[in-house]
Amino acid sequence: MDKPTLIKRGIVALLAVLVITYVIYVICRASFTQVKTISAKETIAYNSVTADCFVIHEEELIEYSGDGVISYAVEDGEKVSVNETVAGVFDSVASAGTKREIERLSTRIASLEQLQQNAGTITLTPDEIDKVIGTYVTMANTALNNGSIAEAEKITGDILYFINERHFVTGKNTDYTDKINELKSRLKELEADASKGKKNKEIKSPSTGYFVSCADGYENAFSISDVGNIMPDDMQPERIKKKEVSENVIGKTISGVYWYIACPVSAEDALRIKNADSLKIDIPVVSGDKIKVELFSVNQKSKSSDAVIILRGTYMNSEMAGLRRGKFSIILDTYQGIYIPKSAVHNKELTRTYTDERGREKQETGTVSGVYVKIGSEVTFKQIIPVFSGDDYIISSTYAEGRFSKDVGVVQVYDDIIVEGANLYDGKIIRAA
């Protein structure tokens, strides 16, 4: 056999091998479909109405017309009683700062002296003290997140007390006499400096309520007694009058148990809010948690006209005390379940066999919504139980059962939901993307 013939046969054989390899590849690819999956995770969804709202308080301005440097004695959002001192007036900035430092040192000295007195009666173990400290740290973080700076500062003092108490228990430090004497010496110096200055006056709260150190001019835009009569036209920006705040205003008190929020909404949304079992409002700048409110009134000319929803609440911190207006979400319902993209949902016709109340065996056929999940390398169909539907997703319950859920199962947390894949069916062998 000549050389050209051998070369020709070799090329033909190679081509045959390539063709066979390609055919095997195509068969394997058809048999083992590549898919893309996501892990099923539990989430919370809200059915809500968003509106541009206006906050209404019962407010009383506090004024001071004299000279001097004002030093506030309470924090914004802190509760005060009638005639309680909310600020002092000093002849200089230095005098005002000295007063604050004196108060801080006095508190620190009192804490150490109390610890020294209680040293012989401490019964907590180091582990128990650690748990107490952990609890106080959580409380301090919560207070800070809620804007209660004064409360957080007080809790910080408690944390420091228990840290020192732990030192006593573990034998690291059993005598704070030197530290107390050092602080008292510093306190004496500050008190001597303070005596050189002059506190001209104490500014008192005119009423019991929550203190705020500023005013925005909308204090009398709406009367608390008239919230039930606020109509959509009254909520137009040009209709809500802002007054110029006098230079003599140094703050205000927010009294009354309740505050109110006026929210203009459509007739349809007003009906949804009215029919809700309970209401919460989402104001991230005020609280990380949803704030519980109640429906006070629905103000509208007729059932088919736009309305102003009046919500009433009691939650208070410095942010809530200073809040006036914003775009808030009114939460009508809360849904918890598994997040499922609508693109992953398939409808499947299923047949089940069951026994009726007379003991007769029967069959039922129905169309079920569900998803295909990847278990190992195999495709399995699982039912979804929708409890909420968003624009492009569904929330499926993990607790409820459907008519066919015993036969195919309900999608659960951590299931690998197939979100991309062609020609899916039960028992198909797949490989992940």
Protein backbone atom coordinates (compact mmCIF):
# COMPACT_ATOMS: atom_id res chain seq x y z
CA MET A 1 0.00 0.00 0.00
CA ASP A 2 1.50 3.32 -1.07
CA LYS A 3 2.11 6.18 1.31
CA PRO A 4 -0.69 8.56 0.03
CA THR A 5 -3.25 5.80 0.54
CA LEU A 6 -2.13 5.28 4.13
CA ILE A 7 -2.35 8.98 4.85
CA LYS A 8 -5.83 9.15 3.32
CA ARG A 9 -7.05 6.20 5.42
CA GLY A 10 -5.54 7.75 8.57
CA ILE A 11 -7.39 11.03 7.97
CA VAL A 12 -10.66 9.16 7.39
CA ALA A 13 -10.20 7.16 10.60
CA LEU A 14 -9.46 10.37 12.56
CA LEU A 15 -12.56 12.06 11.16
CA ALA A 16 -14.63 9.01 12.11
CA VAL A 17 -13.33 9.20 15.70
CA LEU A 18 -14.14 12.94 15.89
CA VAL A 19 -17.67 12.35 14.59
CA ILE A 20 -18.29 9.56 17.09
CA THR A 21 -16.90 11.74 19.91
CA TYR A 22 -19.17 14.61 18.90
CA VAL A 23 -22.24 12.34 18.76
CA ILE A 24 -21.43 10.99 22.24
CA TYR A 25 -21.04 14.58 23.52
CA VAL A 26 -24.40 15.63 22.05
CA ILE A 27 -26.10 12.58 23.57
CA CYS A 28 -24.57 13.24 26.98
CA ARG A 29 -25.48 16.92 26.86
CA ALA A 30 -29.07 16.03 25.99
CA SER A 31 -29.22 13.46 28.77
CA PHE A 32 -27.51 15.56 31.46
CA THR A 33 -29.09 19.02 31.22
CA GLN A 34 -27.21 21.93 32.73
CA VAL A 35 -29.30 24.03 35.14
CA LYS A 36 -28.88 27.06 37.40
CA THR A 37 -30.21 26.90 40.96
CA ILE A 38 -30.70 29.15 43.97
CA SER A 39 -30.98 28.06 47.59
CA ALA A 40 -34.47 28.55 49.02
CA LYS A 41 -34.37 31.13 51.80
CA GLU A 42 -37.00 32.40 54.20
CA THR A 43 -37.89 36.08 54.00
CA ILE A 44 -40.49 38.60 55.15
CA ALA A 45 -42.69 40.60 52.77
CA TYR A 46 -45.06 43.43 53.53
CA ASN A 47 -48.35 44.46 52.00
CA SER A 48 -48.13 48.22 52.39
CA VAL A 49 -49.28 51.64 51.24
CA THR A 50 -46.73 54.43 50.78
CA ALA A 51 -47.76 58.04 51.31
CA ASP A 52 -46.30 61.52 51.91
CA CYS A 53 -47.25 62.02 55.54
CA PHE A 54 -47.26 64.86 58.07
CA VAL A 55 -46.62 64.34 61.79
CA ILE A 56 -48.77 66.27 64.25
CA HIS A 57 -47.81 66.77 67.90
CA GLU A 58 -49.29 68.73 70.77
CA GLU A 59 -46.40 71.19 71.18
CA GLU A 60 -45.56 74.16 73.39
CA LEU A 61 -42.62 76.43 72.61
CA ILE A 62 -40.05 77.34 75.28
CA GLU A 63 -38.56 80.83 75.04
CA TYR A 64 -35.71 82.74 76.70
CA SER A 65 -34.96 86.36 75.83
CA GLY A 66 -31.95 87.11 78.07
CA ASP A 67 -28.18 86.98 77.48
CA GLY A 68 -25.77 84.14 78.23
CA VAL A 69 -24.77 80.69 77.02
CA ILE A 70 -27.48 78.05 77.11
CA SER A 71 -26.51 74.57 78.29
CA TYR A 72 -29.22 71.93 77.91
CA ALA A 73 -29.82 69.72 80.94
CA VAL A 74 -31.83 67.07 79.06
CA GLU A 75 -31.50 65.29 75.72
CA ASP A 76 -33.89 65.52 72.77
CA GLY A 77 -36.72 63.01 73.20
CA GLU A 78 -36.20 62.79 76.97
CA LYS A 79 -39.33 62.95 79.08
CA VAL A 80 -39.62 65.97 81.39
CA SER A 81 -42.09 67.10 84.05
CA VAL A 82 -43.74 70.50 84.35
CA ASN A 83 -41.31 73.05 85.90
CA GLU A 84 -38.37 70.65 85.46
CA THR A 85 -35.13 72.39 84.46
CA VAL A 86 -34.43 71.76 80.77
CA ALA A 87 -31.51 74.20 80.39
CA GLY A 88 -29.25 76.52 82.34
CA VAL A 89 -27.99 79.93 81.22
CA PHE A 90 -24.30 80.67 81.95
CA ASP A 91 -22.11 83.71 81.52
CA SER A 92 -19.61 81.81 79.31
CA VAL A 93 -19.09 78.64 77.29
CA ALA A 94 -16.44 77.54 79.80
CA SER A 95 -18.91 77.77 82.68
CA ALA A 96 -21.47 75.67 80.79
CA GLY A 97 -18.88 72.99 79.96
CA THR A 98 -17.62 72.91 83.55
CA LYS A 99 -21.13 72.19 84.81
CA ARG A 100 -21.44 69.12 82.56
CA GLU A 101 -18.05 67.78 83.64
CA ILE A 102 -18.98 68.24 87.31
CA GLU A 103 -22.14 66.19 86.79
CA ARG A 104 -20.18 63.41 85.02
CA LEU A 105 -17.49 63.21 87.74
CA SER A 106 -20.09 63.24 90.54
CA THR A 107 -21.85 60.26 88.96
CA ARG A 108 -18.54 58.39 88.55
CA ILE A 109 -17.52 58.99 92.18
CA ALA A 110 -20.93 57.87 93.49
CA SER A 111 -20.65 54.64 91.44
CA LEU A 112 -17.20 53.77 92.80
CA GLU A 113 -18.18 54.58 96.38
CA GLN A 114 -21.26 52.35 96.08
CA LEU A 115 -19.09 49.54 94.70
CA GLN A 116 -16.62 49.95 97.56
CA GLN A 117 -19.46 49.71 100.10
CA ASN A 118 -20.99 46.63 98.44
CA ALA A 119 -17.69 44.77 97.99
CA GLY A 120 -18.29 42.38 100.89
CA THR A 121 -21.82 41.46 99.78
CA ILE A 122 -21.18 40.56 96.10
CA THR A 123 -22.47 37.04 95.42
CA LEU A 124 -22.34 36.90 91.62
CA THR A 125 -19.75 34.73 89.89
CA PRO A 126 -17.60 36.10 87.01
CA ASP A 127 -19.73 34.18 84.47
CA GLU A 128 -22.93 35.62 85.92
CA ILE A 129 -21.47 39.14 85.83
CA ASP A 130 -20.44 38.57 82.19
CA LYS A 131 -24.06 37.71 81.34
CA VAL A 132 -25.27 40.87 83.10
CA ILE A 133 -22.74 42.98 81.19
CA GLY A 134 -23.82 41.36 77.91
CA THR A 135 -27.45 42.20 78.67
CA TYR A 136 -26.58 45.84 79.42
CA VAL A 137 -24.51 46.11 76.22
CA THR A 138 -27.54 44.92 74.21
CA MET A 139 -29.74 47.45 76.03
CA ALA A 140 -27.27 50.26 75.32
CA ASN A 141 -27.17 49.37 71.61
CA THR A 142 -30.98 49.30 71.49
CA ALA A 143 -31.16 52.70 73.19
CA LEU A 144 -28.65 54.17 70.71
CA ASN A 145 -30.54 52.71 67.73
CA ASN A 146 -33.73 54.24 69.10
CA GLY A 147 -32.03 57.61 69.53
CA SER A 148 -32.21 57.58 73.34
CA ILE A 149 -28.74 58.99 73.97
CA ALA A 150 -29.38 59.87 77.61
CA GLU A 151 -30.64 56.35 78.32
CA ALA A 152 -27.61 54.83 76.55
CA GLU A 153 -25.28 57.00 78.62
CA LYS A 154 -26.95 55.85 81.85
CA ILE A 155 -26.66 52.19 80.80
CA THR A 156 -22.98 52.73 79.97
CA GLY A 157 -22.48 53.79 83.59
CA ASP A 158 -24.11 50.53 84.70
CA ILE A 159 -21.78 48.55 82.42
CA LEU A 160 -18.75 50.26 83.92
CA TYR A 161 -20.05 49.49 87.43
CA PHE A 162 -20.30 45.75 86.70
CA ILE A 163 -16.89 45.68 85.00
CA ASN A 164 -15.42 47.09 88.20
CA GLU A 165 -17.47 44.60 90.23
CA ARG A 166 -15.94 41.79 88.17
CA HIS A 167 -12.49 43.12 89.09
CA PHE A 168 -13.46 42.75 92.76
CA VAL A 169 -14.70 39.18 92.28
CA THR A 170 -11.58 38.07 90.36
CA GLY A 171 -9.23 39.85 92.76
CA LYS A 172 -7.79 42.20 90.15
CA ASN A 173 -8.73 45.29 92.14
CA THR A 174 -10.28 45.48 95.61
CA ASP A 175 -9.63 49.08 96.58
CA TYR A 176 -10.74 52.16 94.64
CA THR A 177 -9.81 54.65 97.38
CA ASP A 178 -6.97 56.24 95.38
CA LYS A 179 -9.15 56.55 92.26
CA ILE A 180 -12.02 58.07 94.26
CA ASN A 181 -9.65 60.60 95.89
CA GLU A 182 -8.21 61.49 92.47
CA LEU A 183 -11.67 62.11 91.03
CA LYS A 184 -12.73 64.13 94.10
CA SER A 185 -9.63 66.29 93.75
CA ARG A 186 -10.49 66.99 90.12
CA LEU A 187 -14.09 67.69 91.10
CA LYS A 188 -12.96 70.25 93.68
CA GLU A 189 -10.94 72.09 91.04
CA LEU A 190 -13.90 72.19 88.67
CA GLU A 191 -16.26 73.40 91.40
CA ALA A 192 -13.77 76.16 92.23
CA ASP A 193 -13.71 77.17 88.55
CA ALA A 194 -17.47 77.03 88.38
CA SER A 195 -17.81 79.34 91.41
CA LYS A 196 -15.96 82.02 89.45
CA GLY A 197 -18.53 81.86 86.71
CA LYS A 198 -22.17 82.69 87.07
CA LYS A 199 -25.31 80.77 86.20
CA ASN A 200 -27.84 83.47 85.42
CA LYS A 201 -30.97 81.39 85.20
CA GLU A 202 -32.60 77.97 84.90
CA ILE A 203 -35.11 77.47 82.09
CA LYS A 204 -38.08 75.34 83.13
CA SER A 205 -40.40 73.13 81.11
CA PRO A 206 -43.89 74.69 80.77
CA SER A 207 -45.56 71.26 80.66
CA THR A 208 -45.03 67.54 81.09
CA GLY A 209 -43.95 65.78 77.91
CA TYR A 210 -40.94 65.12 75.69
CA PHE A 211 -38.29 67.80 75.24
CA VAL A 212 -36.95 68.91 71.84
CA SER A 213 -34.20 71.53 71.57
CA CYS A 214 -35.44 73.12 68.32
CA ALA A 215 -38.56 74.25 66.49
CA ASP A 216 -39.40 73.98 62.78
CA GLY A 217 -42.23 76.50 62.38
CA TYR A 218 -44.95 73.88 61.80
CA GLU A 219 -45.90 73.64 65.49
CA ASN A 220 -49.39 75.03 64.87
CA ALA A 221 -49.98 73.94 61.27
CA PHE A 222 -52.71 71.53 62.43
CA SER A 223 -54.52 71.36 65.74
CA ILE A 224 -54.72 68.05 67.60
CA SER A 225 -58.41 68.71 68.24
CA ASP A 226 -59.03 69.09 64.50
CA VAL A 227 -57.18 66.05 63.06
CA GLY A 228 -60.48 64.33 62.29
CA ASN A 229 -61.35 67.13 59.84
CA ILE A 230 -58.14 67.29 57.77
CA MET A 231 -59.05 66.71 54.11
CA PRO A 232 -56.85 66.02 51.03
CA ASP A 233 -56.95 69.68 49.94
CA ASP A 234 -55.59 70.71 53.35
CA MET A 235 -52.54 68.49 52.77
CA GLN A 236 -51.36 70.37 49.68
CA PRO A 237 -47.84 71.80 50.40
CA GLU A 238 -48.92 75.35 49.66
CA ARG A 239 -51.79 75.03 52.17
CA ILE A 240 -49.59 73.94 55.09
CA LYS A 241 -48.33 77.19 56.60
CA LYS A 242 -44.89 77.45 58.16
CA LYS A 243 -44.34 80.26 60.67
CA GLU A 244 -41.04 81.99 61.28
CA VAL A 245 -39.41 80.76 64.49
CA SER A 246 -38.45 83.51 66.96
CA GLU A 247 -34.79 83.80 67.96
CA ASN A 248 -35.95 83.52 71.57
CA VAL A 249 -37.21 79.93 71.09
CA ILE A 250 -34.77 77.49 72.71
CA GLY A 251 -36.92 74.38 72.31
CA LYS A 252 -40.34 72.93 72.93
CA THR A 253 -42.20 70.23 74.81
CA ILE A 254 -44.36 67.60 73.15
CA SER A 255 -47.19 66.73 75.49
CA GLY A 256 -50.10 64.34 75.33
CA VAL A 257 -50.00 60.56 75.25
CA TYR A 258 -50.45 60.30 71.48
CA TRP A 259 -48.95 61.74 68.31
CA TYR A 260 -50.79 61.68 64.98
CA ILE A 261 -49.75 61.18 61.35
CA ALA A 262 -51.87 62.52 58.48
CA CYS A 263 -51.43 60.57 55.22
CA PRO A 264 -53.23 61.47 51.95
CA VAL A 265 -54.17 58.30 50.03
CA SER A 266 -56.48 57.15 47.23
CA ALA A 267 -59.99 55.84 47.92
CA GLU A 268 -58.80 52.30 47.11
CA ASP A 269 -55.87 52.50 49.55
CA ALA A 270 -58.09 54.07 52.20
CA LEU A 271 -60.38 51.01 52.00
CA ARG A 272 -57.39 48.63 52.23
CA ILE A 273 -56.12 50.43 55.33
CA LYS A 274 -59.58 50.54 56.87
CA ASN A 275 -60.03 46.76 56.43
CA ALA A 276 -56.60 45.83 57.83
CA ASP A 277 -56.62 43.87 61.09
CA SER A 278 -53.61 45.77 62.47
CA LEU A 279 -51.33 48.53 61.27
CA LYS A 280 -47.65 49.39 61.57
CA ILE A 281 -45.63 52.17 60.05
CA ASP A 282 -42.11 51.88 58.69
CA ILE A 283 -39.95 54.95 59.41
CA PRO A 284 -36.27 53.84 59.16
CA VAL A 285 -34.92 57.19 60.43
CA VAL A 286 -36.90 56.70 63.66
CA SER A 287 -36.58 52.99 64.40
CA GLY A 288 -35.22 49.79 62.92
CA ASP A 289 -38.45 48.10 64.01
CA LYS A 290 -41.88 48.69 62.54
CA ILE A 291 -43.87 51.06 64.80
CA LYS A 292 -47.32 49.96 65.92
CA VAL A 293 -50.10 52.48 65.19
CA GLU A 294 -53.88 52.50 65.20
CA LEU A 295 -56.32 53.94 62.70
CA PHE A 296 -57.83 57.08 64.25
CA SER A 297 -59.98 58.31 61.37
CA VAL A 298 -60.56 58.13 57.60
CA ASN A 299 -61.33 61.64 56.33
CA GLN A 300 -63.04 61.71 52.91
CA LYS A 301 -66.04 63.37 51.29
CA SER A 302 -67.41 60.08 49.92
CA LYS A 303 -66.37 56.44 49.75
CA SER A 304 -65.14 56.93 46.18
CA SER A 305 -63.06 60.07 46.86
CA ASP A 306 -59.45 60.48 47.96
CA ALA A 307 -58.91 60.46 51.70
CA VAL A 308 -56.61 61.49 54.51
CA ILE A 309 -55.81 58.61 56.84
CA ILE A 310 -55.08 59.68 60.43
CA LEU A 311 -52.87 57.24 62.32
CA ARG A 312 -52.21 57.45 66.06
CA GLY A 313 -49.22 56.13 68.02
CA THR A 314 -47.28 56.45 71.26
CA TYR A 315 -43.69 55.34 70.45
CA MET A 316 -41.21 58.13 71.19
CA ASN A 317 -37.48 58.76 70.89
CA SER A 318 -35.39 61.77 69.82
CA GLU A 319 -35.94 61.07 66.10
CA MET A 320 -39.70 60.69 66.51
CA ALA A 321 -39.84 63.87 68.59
CA GLY A 322 -38.11 65.83 65.82
CA LEU A 323 -39.93 64.20 62.90
CA ARG A 324 -42.33 66.32 60.87
CA ARG A 325 -42.90 64.90 57.40
CA GLY A 326 -41.72 62.21 55.03
CA LYS A 327 -42.64 59.31 52.75
CA PHE A 328 -43.73 56.51 55.09
CA SER A 329 -44.87 52.94 54.44
CA ILE A 330 -48.10 51.94 56.15
CA ILE A 331 -47.93 48.17 56.68
CA LEU A 332 -51.24 46.32 56.41
CA ASP A 333 -50.03 42.71 56.55
CA THR A 334 -46.78 40.82 57.13
CA TYR A 335 -45.99 37.60 55.29
CA GLN A 336 -43.24 35.14 56.14
CA GLY A 337 -42.16 32.31 53.89
CA ILE A 338 -39.79 31.25 51.12
CA TYR A 339 -38.82 33.74 48.42
CA ILE A 340 -39.43 32.28 44.94
CA PRO A 341 -38.81 34.14 41.64
CA LYS A 342 -41.90 33.95 39.42
CA SER A 343 -39.65 32.86 36.55
CA ALA A 344 -38.99 29.60 38.43
CA VAL A 345 -42.69 28.71 38.86
CA HIS A 346 -44.23 25.95 36.72
CA ASN A 347 -47.76 24.57 36.51
CA LYS A 348 -48.19 20.81 36.49
CA GLU A 349 -51.24 18.59 36.21
CA LEU A 350 -51.29 16.01 39.01
CA THR A 351 -53.55 13.11 39.90
CA ARG A 352 -53.95 11.80 43.41
CA THR A 353 -55.77 8.83 44.87
CA TYR A 354 -57.67 9.26 48.12
CA THR A 355 -60.33 7.57 50.23
CA ASP A 356 -63.57 9.48 50.83
CA GLU A 357 -65.65 9.52 54.00
CA ARG A 358 -67.46 6.32 52.91
CA GLY A 359 -64.22 4.42 52.46
CA ARG A 360 -64.38 4.49 48.67
CA GLU A 361 -61.16 4.98 46.72
CA LYS A 362 -61.29 7.95 44.35
CA GLN A 363 -59.01 9.92 42.09
CA GLU A 364 -58.70 13.68 41.71
CA THR A 365 -56.87 15.61 39.00
CA GLY A 366 -55.82 19.24 39.29
CA THR A 367 -53.29 21.83 38.16
CA VAL A 368 -50.69 22.69 40.78
CA SER A 369 -48.16 25.54 40.91
CA GLY A 370 -44.69 24.60 42.01
CA VAL A 371 -40.98 24.61 41.29
CA TYR A 372 -38.47 22.05 40.16
CA VAL A 373 -35.73 21.42 42.69
CA LYS A 374 -32.41 19.66 42.34
CA ILE A 375 -31.93 16.73 44.71
CA GLY A 376 -28.52 15.24 44.07
CA SER A 377 -28.40 15.02 40.28
CA GLU A 378 -32.13 14.50 39.82
CA VAL A 379 -35.05 16.87 39.16
CA THR A 380 -38.04 16.76 41.52
CA PHE A 381 -41.25 18.82 41.40
CA LYS A 382 -42.43 20.45 44.66
CA GLN A 383 -45.61 22.38 45.29
CA ILE A 384 -45.66 26.03 46.42
CA ILE A 385 -48.32 27.50 48.70
CA PRO A 386 -48.47 31.23 47.79
CA VAL A 387 -49.28 33.60 50.66
CA PHE A 388 -48.13 36.81 48.94
CA SER A 389 -47.34 37.85 45.36
CA GLY A 390 -45.03 40.74 44.44
CA ASP A 391 -44.17 42.11 41.02
CA ASP A 392 -41.63 39.40 40.20
CA TYR A 393 -41.67 37.05 43.19
CA ILE A 394 -43.91 34.87 45.34
CA ILE A 395 -43.74 34.13 49.06
CA SER A 396 -44.55 30.46 49.69
CA SER A 397 -45.65 29.16 53.09
CA THR A 398 -43.59 26.40 54.69
CA TYR A 399 -46.41 25.39 57.03
CA ALA A 400 -49.61 25.22 54.98
CA GLU A 401 -50.54 22.19 52.90
CA GLY A 402 -52.13 21.91 49.48
CA ARG A 403 -54.30 19.13 48.10
CA PHE A 404 -51.34 17.44 46.42
CA SER A 405 -48.58 18.37 48.90
CA LYS A 406 -48.49 14.84 50.42
CA ASP A 407 -47.77 13.43 46.99
CA VAL A 408 -45.14 15.91 45.75
CA GLY A 409 -44.09 17.77 48.92
CA VAL A 410 -43.90 21.52 49.57
CA VAL A 411 -40.76 23.56 48.86
CA GLN A 412 -38.67 24.05 52.01
CA VAL A 413 -35.77 26.20 53.18
CA TYR A 414 -32.42 25.22 51.59
CA ASP A 415 -34.03 23.39 48.66
CA ASP A 416 -32.06 24.01 45.45
CA ILE A 417 -34.69 25.73 43.28
CA ILE A 418 -34.02 25.49 39.54
CA VAL A 419 -34.31 28.99 38.07
CA GLU A 420 -32.81 28.19 34.63
CA GLY A 421 -33.15 24.92 32.74
CA ALA A 422 -34.94 23.51 29.71
CA ASN A 423 -37.35 20.58 29.36
CA LEU A 424 -37.58 19.89 33.09
CA TYR A 425 -39.51 16.91 34.42
CA ASP A 426 -39.52 14.58 37.44
CA GLY A 427 -36.62 12.17 37.45
CA LYS A 428 -34.54 13.96 34.85
CA ILE A 429 -30.77 13.69 35.41
CA ILE A 430 -29.04 17.09 35.51
CA ARG A 431 -25.82 18.81 36.34
CA ALA A 432 -25.46 22.19 38.04
CA ALA A 433 -24.20 25.24 36.16
